[in-house]
Amino acid sequence: MRETRNAQVSIFHFYAEHALGDQLSALSDLLDDYPLILDAVERDFRVPDTTATGACGLSVDSVFCCLLLKQILKVSYEKLSFHLADSPTYRTFARLQVDQYPSRSGLQSTIRHISPETLEQANQLFLSHLVEDNTLKVDRLRIDSTVTDSNIAAPRDSQLLADSIRVLSRLLFQSNEMTGVKIRFTDQRDKSKSLSYRIFHAKKAEKDELYPALLGCATVVFKQSRSAIEKVRLNANNSGNAERWVDKVEHYIALLLKVIDQTQRRVYDEEDVPASQKIVSIFEPHTDIIVKGLRDVQFGHKINLATQEDGFITYCKIENGNPADAVLYVCVLEACRADYEKLPSAVVADGCYASQANVESAKALGVKRNIFSKPVGLALGDMGVKKKTFDALRNFRAGIEGNISELKRAFGAGKATWKGLDGFKAFVWSSVLSYNLIRMVRFSSA
């Protein structure tokens, strides 16, 4: 990347006379009105000296606009590359030069260069500015939690074992190319794949008979991988590549051992392994097991949210594990005071947040009215409100259900498709920031 910012200078830049074109035009103007957003993003990029080669990459403006466009359209990098080559409206919004046609890989590498912390900071700076200008009010907040799924298949121990065996065997096969050391090993991939398939379709009695064979394959691969690490460390020609190869192998060995442990405890010991001790994907090992009430089990991360009366997401926290909603209530109020230097006068949350301790903590902080839509174990007197106030705030709380639905449906926050924990967080924050910016466009034009 050479330029950090660029202007729309081409006579070929225009927006189609269409609702989406008008929206993108207004969004582009909004970014110009709030340069603090792009200033925050710019800190993630270091511009190398490309004078010798003449290379001219995407500007920071273009990268960020491409990120917003990807979230708004909910498309892959490949389709985003096509749209940017095909559509004058999208090219205008992305602020591309006449000769710029970013590829799939170029878009992916530059967009993913923006860290989740930067996206969170950009969102917070934008909202704080709106609150400071009295454009955005935080007098009333509604709180709820949801789950963003990881991009994984439904977990099965047999498949996790087969995946671990496959990945480690592939690394052993690639050793000669990556480190210069050829590893001889007994390939267990076909056998483990067959066993995993048979276990999936078998009845319980047959499953119990097949698992020892699959665990035997895993044990063989584990021993081969440990031996290979020692051989590579002794004989590798390229120490840098060798260390990277060793790090990968050790990473997947650790995951394999976890899968073996939970499989043995579940199959042989008939133990209910706690969710906190399980691994549900070797490719996205950060994934948590989330159960909300009596609903289906989800695999991803719990997201704690707060929105205000105009539907802006004023608080978002990607939680670790599956903490009870009740312990997350006060955190939202404290964050509101820290981020916006003011507290809401009224707060309403889902019934899962209900507790007398939360009522007292909120009052101690200075919140005048705080209720829970399903006040489990609490009377109206315990919350210090009358039925008329309770009904009004309960109706107000229903709005956050629509906010969460739009965040997932229109901005893809139902499933994070970017890899790794950082990728998961960046995806969620890019969805939240896109949501807030689009909502501001609608709010301004209303």
Foldseek 3Di string as FASTA:
>chain_A
DAAADDDQDDPLADFDPDPVSVLLVLLLVVCVVVVVLLVLQSVLDDHDDCVVPPDDAAHSLLLLLLLLVCLQVVDALQVSLVCCVPPSSSVNSSSDDPPDRDHSVSSVVSNLSRFLVSLVVSLLVVVLVCVVVVVDDPQEKEKDKDFAFAPDDFFDLLVQLLVLLVVLVVLLCCCCVQFVDHADADRCNVVSVVLSVCLVPDDLVVVLVSVVVSVVSSVRSLVSLVVVLVVSVVDGPDPVSNVVSNVVSVLSSVVSVLSSVVCCCCSVVVDDDDQVSHARHSFARQWGWEDDDPDDIGIGWMWMWMAHQLLATNDIDTDRYYDFLLVCLVVVQVVCCVSNVDGHQEYEYECSNADLVSLVSCVVVPRNAYYYLDNVVDDCVSRPDDPVVSVVVNVSNVVVVVSVVCLCPSRPSNYQHATYPRSNSNSSSSSSSSSNSSSVSVSVVD
